[in-house]
Amino acid sequence: MRNKPRRVTADEYYKNYYTKILSSSVVGFVARMTHQSLETRIMIDESESNIKVLEIGAGQGEHRKYVKHNYSEYWETDIRIEPLLDKYSNLDKNNRIKVIKLDANNLESIPTQSFHRIILTCVLVHLQNPIQTLQELKRIVRNGGTISMYIPCEPSIVLRLSRYFTTVQAAKKLGVDHLHFHYLEHKFHYLYIKHAIDEVFTQHKILRVRWPFHFLSWGSNLWEVVHIRNLKDS
């Protein structure tokens, strides 16, 4: 009789399995697509010479290489920064890259209107209070700045089928029960996050692009990229 996949904690999953699962061929392709889509149709003024970027939930620093616009500072933050510190034995000589431990549930330490762009890759669904975090994002983004977010279309049938044939199978080969971990960690569904964003950013410009089928509803897609522009007169 085959052993059942083992249930693991979040710390154990991210420490021992996350990178291995992402490195599998199909999962890796989808992951690259999510990062590339976050850099599509961004609303940012590239004429600004000193763009400061804050990435919340940076993981192991996978996203930064996909950013094509210039920046003077890039803060990679996560509640678990050991993987980032291991990756960067030497940060760039200009000190543009900063690795900082930060809990997305508590952004009070970040000064008001301090970043031109804020990036979140699959963060909101994990939080205790997404609306509170969205309100903090609204506070810390600069006038004219942009917030870019990746939102999984949870629990669309397309996403669930895709997950079963990709991450679930990759995790199973490692003896890990991915679904048990996933649904404990993804606490909020797509419609809650959508309406939370609409509730908080009533005076902002919001651009939504669904992937991979832009013209279909969220229930027929894998994820949605949301760009929020903080209008100067808002």
C-alpha atoms as a PDB file:
ATOM      1  CA  MET A   1       0.000   0.000   0.000  1.00  0.00           C
ATOM      2  CA  ARG A   2       1.384   3.402  -0.981  1.00  0.00           C
ATOM      3  CA  ASN A   3       2.042   5.920   1.777  1.00  0.00           C
ATOM      4  CA  LYS A   4      -0.269   8.910   1.912  1.00  0.00           C
ATOM      5  CA  PRO A   5       1.328  12.318   1.256  1.00  0.00           C
ATOM      6  CA  ARG A   6       2.509  13.908   4.497  1.00  0.00           C
ATOM      7  CA  ARG A   7       0.971  17.076   5.936  1.00  0.00           C
ATOM      8  CA  VAL A   8       3.505  19.794   6.731  1.00  0.00           C
ATOM      9  CA  THR A   9       3.523  23.187   8.414  1.00  0.00           C
ATOM     10  CA  ALA A  10       3.974  26.425   6.475  1.00  0.00           C
ATOM     11  CA  ASP A  11       7.517  26.901   7.812  1.00  0.00           C
ATOM     12  CA  GLU A  12       8.478  23.364   6.824  1.00  0.00           C
ATOM     13  CA  TYR A  13       6.867  23.722   3.390  1.00  0.00           C
ATOM     14  CA  TYR A  14       8.643  26.947   2.472  1.00  0.00           C
ATOM     15  CA  LYS A  15      11.958  25.793   3.904  1.00  0.00           C
ATOM     16  CA  ASN A  16      12.148  22.291   2.431  1.00  0.00           C
ATOM     17  CA  TYR A  17       9.710  21.947  -0.465  1.00  0.00           C
ATOM     18  CA  TYR A  18       8.674  25.271  -2.038  1.00  0.00           C
ATOM     19  CA  THR A  19      11.717  25.689  -4.301  1.00  0.00           C
ATOM     20  CA  LYS A  20      11.756  22.033  -5.329  1.00  0.00           C
ATOM     21  CA  ILE A  21       8.085  22.139  -6.335  1.00  0.00           C
ATOM     22  CA  LEU A  22       8.536  25.365  -8.294  1.00  0.00           C
ATOM     23  CA  SER A  23      11.536  23.931 -10.117  1.00  0.00           C
ATOM     24  CA  SER A  24       9.483  21.172 -11.734  1.00  0.00           C
ATOM     25  CA  SER A  25       9.001  21.850 -15.447  1.00  0.00           C
ATOM     26  CA  VAL A  26       5.254  22.561 -15.675  1.00  0.00           C
ATOM     27  CA  VAL A  27       4.995  24.358 -12.334  1.00  0.00           C
ATOM     28  CA  GLY A  28       8.068  26.403 -13.187  1.00  0.00           C
ATOM     29  CA  PHE A  29       6.535  27.511 -16.480  1.00  0.00           C
ATOM     30  CA  VAL A  30       3.321  28.678 -14.778  1.00  0.00           C
ATOM     31  CA  ALA A  31       5.329  30.459 -12.077  1.00  0.00           C
ATOM     32  CA  ARG A  32       7.322  32.347 -14.711  1.00  0.00           C
ATOM     33  CA  MET A  33       4.095  33.360 -16.402  1.00  0.00           C
ATOM     34  CA  THR A  34       2.732  34.827 -13.163  1.00  0.00           C
ATOM     35  CA  HIS A  35       5.856  36.941 -12.682  1.00  0.00           C
ATOM     36  CA  GLN A  36       5.841  38.127 -16.294  1.00  0.00           C
ATOM     37  CA  SER A  37       2.158  39.039 -16.128  1.00  0.00           C
ATOM     38  CA  LEU A  38       2.778  41.273 -13.102  1.00  0.00           C
ATOM     39  CA  GLU A  39       5.050  43.394 -15.302  1.00  0.00           C
ATOM     40  CA  THR A  40       2.483  43.760 -18.078  1.00  0.00           C
ATOM     41  CA  ARG A  41       0.534  47.007 -18.476  1.00  0.00           C
ATOM     42  CA  ILE A  42       1.918  48.494 -15.268  1.00  0.00           C
ATOM     43  CA  MET A  43       0.914  52.090 -14.578  1.00  0.00           C
ATOM     44  CA  ILE A  44       4.135  53.769 -13.512  1.00  0.00           C
ATOM     45  CA  ASP A  45       5.868  57.000 -14.500  1.00  0.00           C
ATOM     46  CA  GLU A  46       9.288  55.837 -15.688  1.00  0.00           C
ATOM     47  CA  SER A  47      10.473  59.403 -16.102  1.00  0.00           C
ATOM     48  CA  GLU A  48      10.834  59.465 -12.322  1.00  0.00           C
ATOM     49  CA  SER A  49      14.559  59.177 -11.582  1.00  0.00           C
ATOM     50  CA  ASN A  50      14.415  57.743  -8.071  1.00  0.00           C
ATOM     51  CA  ILE A  51      11.780  55.014  -8.121  1.00  0.00           C
ATOM     52  CA  LYS A  52      11.552  53.152  -4.814  1.00  0.00           C
ATOM     53  CA  VAL A  53       9.995  49.689  -4.981  1.00  0.00           C
ATOM     54  CA  LEU A  54       8.640  47.637  -2.092  1.00  0.00           C
ATOM     55  CA  GLU A  55       7.958  43.947  -2.681  1.00  0.00           C
ATOM     56  CA  ILE A  56       5.923  42.300   0.077  1.00  0.00           C
ATOM     57  CA  GLY A  57       6.180  38.519   0.359  1.00  0.00           C
ATOM     58  CA  ALA A  58       9.280  38.296  -1.820  1.00  0.00           C
ATOM     59  CA  GLY A  59       9.913  34.632  -0.979  1.00  0.00           C
ATOM     60  CA  GLN A  60      13.357  33.822  -2.336  1.00  0.00           C
ATOM     61  CA  GLY A  61      13.579  36.876  -4.564  1.00  0.00           C
ATOM     62  CA  GLU A  62      12.084  35.251  -7.646  1.00  0.00           C
ATOM     63  CA  HIS A  63      10.264  38.312  -8.976  1.00  0.00           C
ATOM     64  CA  ARG A  64      12.840  41.118  -9.107  1.00  0.00           C
ATOM     65  CA  LYS A  65      14.569  39.866 -12.274  1.00  0.00           C
ATOM     66  CA  TYR A  66      11.295  40.335 -14.177  1.00  0.00           C
ATOM     67  CA  VAL A  67      11.046  44.043 -13.321  1.00  0.00           C
ATOM     68  CA  LYS A  68      11.969  46.021 -16.442  1.00  0.00           C
ATOM     69  CA  HIS A  69      11.600  49.627 -15.265  1.00  0.00           C
ATOM     70  CA  ASN A  70      14.421  51.438 -13.498  1.00  0.00           C
ATOM     71  CA  TYR A  71      14.548  51.825  -9.712  1.00  0.00           C
ATOM     72  CA  SER A  72      16.856  53.482  -7.207  1.00  0.00           C
ATOM     73  CA  GLU A  73      15.876  51.159  -4.320  1.00  0.00           C
ATOM     74  CA  TYR A  74      14.226  47.754  -4.242  1.00  0.00           C
ATOM     75  CA  TRP A  75      13.107  46.422  -0.869  1.00  0.00           C
ATOM     76  CA  GLU A  76      12.601  42.660  -0.833  1.00  0.00           C
ATOM     77  CA  THR A  77      10.629  41.835   2.285  1.00  0.00           C
ATOM     78  CA  ASP A  78       9.172  38.673   3.748  1.00  0.00           C
ATOM     79  CA  ILE A  79       8.237  37.237   7.111  1.00  0.00           C
ATOM     80  CA  ARG A  80      10.865  34.548   6.392  1.00  0.00           C
ATOM     81  CA  ILE A  81      14.050  36.266   5.166  1.00  0.00           C
ATOM     82  CA  GLU A  82      16.567  33.450   5.691  1.00  0.00           C
ATOM     83  CA  PRO A  83      16.194  32.220   2.065  1.00  0.00           C
ATOM     84  CA  LEU A  84      16.788  35.772   0.806  1.00  0.00           C
ATOM     85  CA  LEU A  85      19.860  36.236   2.994  1.00  0.00           C
ATOM     86  CA  ASP A  86      21.237  32.897   1.811  1.00  0.00           C
ATOM     87  CA  LYS A  87      20.692  33.946  -1.810  1.00  0.00           C
ATOM     88  CA  TYR A  88      22.452  37.279  -1.484  1.00  0.00           C
ATOM     89  CA  SER A  89      25.858  36.694  -0.002  1.00  0.00           C
ATOM     90  CA  ASN A  90      26.754  40.107  -1.419  1.00  0.00           C
ATOM     91  CA  LEU A  91      24.141  42.718  -2.250  1.00  0.00           C
ATOM     92  CA  ASP A  92      24.878  45.067  -5.139  1.00  0.00           C
ATOM     93  CA  LYS A  93      27.563  47.674  -4.531  1.00  0.00           C
ATOM     94  CA  ASN A  94      25.142  50.588  -4.806  1.00  0.00           C
ATOM     95  CA  ASN A  95      22.997  49.158  -1.998  1.00  0.00           C
ATOM     96  CA  ARG A  96      19.923  49.398  -4.216  1.00  0.00           C
ATOM     97  CA  ILE A  97      18.670  46.031  -2.957  1.00  0.00           C
ATOM     98  CA  LYS A  98      17.552  45.853   0.666  1.00  0.00           C
ATOM     99  CA  VAL A  99      16.437  42.653   2.406  1.00  0.00           C
ATOM    100  CA  ILE A 100      14.103  43.359   5.314  1.00  0.00           C
ATOM    101  CA  LYS A 101      11.984  41.155   7.549  1.00  0.00           C
ATOM    102  CA  LEU A 102       8.395  42.341   7.328  1.00  0.00           C
ATOM    103  CA  ASP A 103       5.038  40.848   8.295  1.00  0.00           C
ATOM    104  CA  ALA A 104       2.408  41.829   5.715  1.00  0.00           C
ATOM    105  CA  ASN A 105      -0.163  41.776   8.519  1.00  0.00           C
ATOM    106  CA  ASN A 106       1.577  44.753  10.128  1.00  0.00           C
ATOM    107  CA  LEU A 107       2.985  47.537   7.932  1.00  0.00           C
ATOM    108  CA  GLU A 108       2.944  50.280  10.570  1.00  0.00           C
ATOM    109  CA  SER A 109       6.735  50.619  10.455  1.00  0.00           C
ATOM    110  CA  ILE A 110       6.637  51.773   6.801  1.00  0.00           C
ATOM    111  CA  PRO A 111       6.454  55.589   6.455  1.00  0.00           C
ATOM    112  CA  THR A 112       3.492  57.208   4.710  1.00  0.00           C
ATOM    113  CA  GLN A 113       3.836  57.799   0.933  1.00  0.00           C
ATOM    114  CA  SER A 114       7.294  56.253   0.801  1.00  0.00           C
ATOM    115  CA  PHE A 115       7.191  53.989  -2.288  1.00  0.00           C
ATOM    116  CA  HIS A 116       6.535  54.629  -5.968  1.00  0.00           C
ATOM    117  CA  ARG A 117       5.617  51.007  -6.581  1.00  0.00           C
ATOM    118  CA  ILE A 118       4.459  48.194  -4.286  1.00  0.00           C
ATOM    119  CA  ILE A 119       4.381  44.569  -5.484  1.00  0.00           C
ATOM    120  CA  LEU A 120       2.541  41.651  -3.889  1.00  0.00           C
ATOM    121  CA  THR A 121       2.765  38.143  -5.357  1.00  0.00           C
ATOM    122  CA  CYS A 122       0.013  35.947  -3.894  1.00  0.00           C
ATOM    123  CA  VAL A 123       0.007  37.640  -0.493  1.00  0.00           C
ATOM    124  CA  LEU A 124      -3.508  38.903   0.261  1.00  0.00           C
ATOM    125  CA  VAL A 125      -5.109  35.445   0.345  1.00  0.00           C
ATOM    126  CA  HIS A 126      -2.756  34.430   3.175  1.00  0.00           C
ATOM    127  CA  LEU A 127      -3.412  37.351   5.522  1.00  0.00           C
ATOM    128  CA  GLN A 128      -5.425  37.672   8.705  1.00  0.00           C
ATOM    129  CA  ASN A 129      -7.164  40.880   7.601  1.00  0.00           C
ATOM    130  CA  PRO A 130      -6.709  41.773   3.893  1.00  0.00           C
ATOM    131  CA  ILE A 131      -8.738  45.006   4.170  1.00  0.00           C
ATOM    132  CA  GLN A 132      -6.455  46.299   6.912  1.00  0.00           C
ATOM    133  CA  THR A 133      -3.387  45.539   4.785  1.00  0.00           C
ATOM    134  CA  LEU A 134      -4.971  47.190   1.725  1.00  0.00           C
ATOM    135  CA  GLN A 135      -5.597  50.316   3.785  1.00  0.00           C
ATOM    136  CA  GLU A 136      -1.934  50.325   4.786  1.00  0.00           C
ATOM    137  CA  LEU A 137      -0.874  49.927   1.157  1.00  0.00           C
ATOM    138  CA  LYS A 138      -3.016  52.932   0.301  1.00  0.00           C
ATOM    139  CA  ARG A 139      -1.199  54.881   3.004  1.00  0.00           C
ATOM    140  CA  ILE A 140       2.370  53.996   2.027  1.00  0.00           C
ATOM    141  CA  VAL A 141       2.150  54.318  -1.782  1.00  0.00           C
ATOM    142  CA  ARG A 142       3.229  57.722  -3.099  1.00  0.00           C
ATOM    143  CA  ASN A 143       0.971  60.117  -4.989  1.00  0.00           C
ATOM    144  CA  GLY A 144       1.068  58.934  -8.576  1.00  0.00           C
ATOM    145  CA  GLY A 145       2.447  55.555  -7.473  1.00  0.00           C
ATOM    146  CA  THR A 146       1.257  52.061  -8.339  1.00  0.00           C
ATOM    147  CA  ILE A 147       0.355  48.922  -6.411  1.00  0.00           C
ATOM    148  CA  SER A 148       0.693  45.687  -8.412  1.00  0.00           C
ATOM    149  CA  MET A 149      -0.901  42.500  -7.092  1.00  0.00           C
ATOM    150  CA  TYR A 150      -1.211  38.893  -8.192  1.00  0.00           C
ATOM    151  CA  ILE A 151      -4.594  37.450  -7.151  1.00  0.00           C
ATOM    152  CA  PRO A 152      -5.299  33.726  -7.699  1.00  0.00           C
ATOM    153  CA  CYS A 153      -8.781  33.054  -9.110  1.00  0.00           C
ATOM    154  CA  GLU A 154      -9.689  30.897  -6.127  1.00  0.00           C
ATOM    155  CA  PRO A 155     -11.618  28.575  -6.338  1.00  0.00           C
ATOM    156  CA  SER A 156     -12.214  28.534 -10.116  1.00  0.00           C
ATOM    157  CA  ILE A 157     -12.506  25.119 -11.734  1.00  0.00           C
ATOM    158  CA  VAL A 158      -9.677  26.013 -14.133  1.00  0.00           C
ATOM    159  CA  LEU A 159      -7.366  26.844 -11.227  1.00  0.00           C
ATOM    160  CA  ARG A 160      -8.283  23.715  -9.281  1.00  0.00           C
ATOM    161  CA  LEU A 161      -7.707  21.462 -12.295  1.00  0.00           C
ATOM    162  CA  SER A 162      -4.429  23.185 -13.102  1.00  0.00           C
ATOM    163  CA  ARG A 163      -3.258  22.851  -9.504  1.00  0.00           C
ATOM    164  CA  TYR A 164      -4.117  19.150  -9.397  1.00  0.00           C
ATOM    165  CA  PHE A 165      -2.025  18.361 -12.466  1.00  0.00           C
ATOM    166  CA  THR A 166       0.908  20.602 -11.500  1.00  0.00           C
ATOM    167  CA  THR A 167       1.734  21.495  -7.895  1.00  0.00           C
ATOM    168  CA  VAL A 168      -0.234  18.620  -6.350  1.00  0.00           C
ATOM    169  CA  GLN A 169       1.610  16.038  -8.456  1.00  0.00           C
ATOM    170  CA  ALA A 170       4.999  17.703  -7.937  1.00  0.00           C
ATOM    171  CA  ALA A 171       4.435  17.769  -4.168  1.00  0.00           C
ATOM    172  CA  LYS A 172       3.203  14.168  -4.149  1.00  0.00           C
ATOM    173  CA  LYS A 173       6.533  13.028  -5.610  1.00  0.00           C
ATOM    174  CA  LEU A 174       8.169  14.622  -2.574  1.00  0.00           C
ATOM    175  CA  GLY A 175       5.697  12.909  -0.226  1.00  0.00           C
ATOM    176  CA  VAL A 176       3.844  16.141   0.651  1.00  0.00           C
ATOM    177  CA  ASP A 177       0.082  16.757   0.810  1.00  0.00           C
ATOM    178  CA  HIS A 178      -0.068  20.038  -1.106  1.00  0.00           C
ATOM    179  CA  LEU A 179      -3.851  20.501  -1.053  1.00  0.00           C
ATOM    180  CA  HIS A 180      -4.068  20.278   2.732  1.00  0.00           C
ATOM    181  CA  PHE A 181      -1.336  22.913   3.096  1.00  0.00           C
ATOM    182  CA  HIS A 182      -2.727  25.078   0.306  1.00  0.00           C
ATOM    183  CA  TYR A 183      -6.303  25.391   1.516  1.00  0.00           C
ATOM    184  CA  LEU A 184      -5.241  26.120   5.073  1.00  0.00           C
ATOM    185  CA  GLU A 185      -2.964  28.891   3.795  1.00  0.00           C
ATOM    186  CA  HIS A 186      -5.292  30.422   1.164  1.00  0.00           C
ATOM    187  CA  LYS A 187      -7.863  31.827   3.579  1.00  0.00           C
ATOM    188  CA  PHE A 188      -9.750  34.184   1.220  1.00  0.00           C
ATOM    189  CA  HIS A 189     -11.381  33.588  -2.157  1.00  0.00           C
ATOM    190  CA  TYR A 190     -11.167  35.758  -5.263  1.00  0.00           C
ATOM    191  CA  LEU A 191     -14.509  37.558  -4.841  1.00  0.00           C
ATOM    192  CA  TYR A 192     -13.697  38.637  -1.290  1.00  0.00           C
ATOM    193  CA  ILE A 193     -10.339  40.070  -2.394  1.00  0.00           C
ATOM    194  CA  LYS A 194     -11.911  41.805  -5.410  1.00  0.00           C
ATOM    195  CA  HIS A 195     -14.562  43.548  -3.336  1.00  0.00           C
ATOM    196  CA  ALA A 196     -12.053  44.398  -0.611  1.00  0.00           C
ATOM    197  CA  ILE A 197      -9.911  46.185  -3.216  1.00  0.00           C
ATOM    198  CA  ASP A 198     -12.947  48.029  -4.573  1.00  0.00           C
ATOM    199  CA  GLU A 199     -13.941  49.034  -1.039  1.00  0.00           C
ATOM    200  CA  VAL A 200     -10.556  50.510  -0.124  1.00  0.00           C
ATOM    201  CA  PHE A 201      -9.487  52.093  -3.421  1.00  0.00           C
ATOM    202  CA  THR A 202     -12.674  53.926  -4.366  1.00  0.00           C
ATOM    203  CA  GLN A 203     -10.820  57.040  -5.616  1.00  0.00           C
ATOM    204  CA  HIS A 204      -8.014  55.211  -7.417  1.00  0.00           C
ATOM    205  CA  LYS A 205      -7.598  53.926 -10.957  1.00  0.00           C
ATOM    206  CA  ILE A 206      -7.837  50.119 -11.005  1.00  0.00           C
ATOM    207  CA  LEU A 207      -6.740  47.977 -13.955  1.00  0.00           C
ATOM    208  CA  ARG A 208      -7.530  44.251 -13.889  1.00  0.00           C
ATOM    209  CA  VAL A 209      -6.147  41.698 -16.366  1.00  0.00           C
ATOM    210  CA  ARG A 210      -7.094  38.024 -16.060  1.00  0.00           C
ATOM    211  CA  TRP A 211      -4.829  35.192 -17.189  1.00  0.00           C
ATOM    212  CA  PRO A 212      -4.703  33.309 -19.433  1.00  0.00           C
ATOM    213  CA  PHE A 213      -8.113  34.210 -20.916  1.00  0.00           C
ATOM    214  CA  HIS A 214      -8.491  37.995 -20.563  1.00  0.00           C
ATOM    215  CA  PHE A 215     -11.964  38.030 -22.111  1.00  0.00           C
ATOM    216  CA  LEU A 216     -13.501  35.388 -19.791  1.00  0.00           C
ATOM    217  CA  SER A 217     -14.770  35.668 -16.213  1.00  0.00           C
ATOM    218  CA  TRP A 218     -12.618  34.968 -13.177  1.00  0.00           C
ATOM    219  CA  GLY A 219     -14.174  31.508 -12.886  1.00  0.00           C
ATOM    220  CA  SER A 220     -12.544  30.526 -16.176  1.00  0.00           C
ATOM    221  CA  ASN A 221      -9.067  31.820 -15.334  1.00  0.00           C
ATOM    222  CA  LEU A 222      -6.025  30.982 -13.217  1.00  0.00           C
ATOM    223  CA  TRP A 223      -5.160  34.386 -11.796  1.00  0.00           C
ATOM    224  CA  GLU A 224      -5.725  38.106 -12.088  1.00  0.00           C
ATOM    225  CA  VAL A 225      -3.188  40.911 -12.081  1.00  0.00           C
ATOM    226  CA  VAL A 226      -4.411  44.133 -10.462  1.00  0.00           C
ATOM    227  CA  HIS A 227      -2.621  47.453 -10.946  1.00  0.00           C
ATOM    228  CA  ILE A 228      -3.851  50.301  -8.727  1.00  0.00           C
ATOM    229  CA  ARG A 229      -2.744  53.840  -9.540  1.00  0.00           C
ATOM    230  CA  ASN A 230      -2.780  56.383  -6.737  1.00  0.00           C
ATOM    231  CA  LEU A 231      -3.999  59.439  -8.640  1.00  0.00           C
ATOM    232  CA  LYS A 232      -2.298  62.671  -7.631  1.00  0.00           C
ATOM    233  CA  ASP A 233      -5.540  64.437  -6.928  1.00  0.00           C
ATOM    234  CA  SER A 234      -7.109  61.550  -4.963  1.00  0.00           C
END
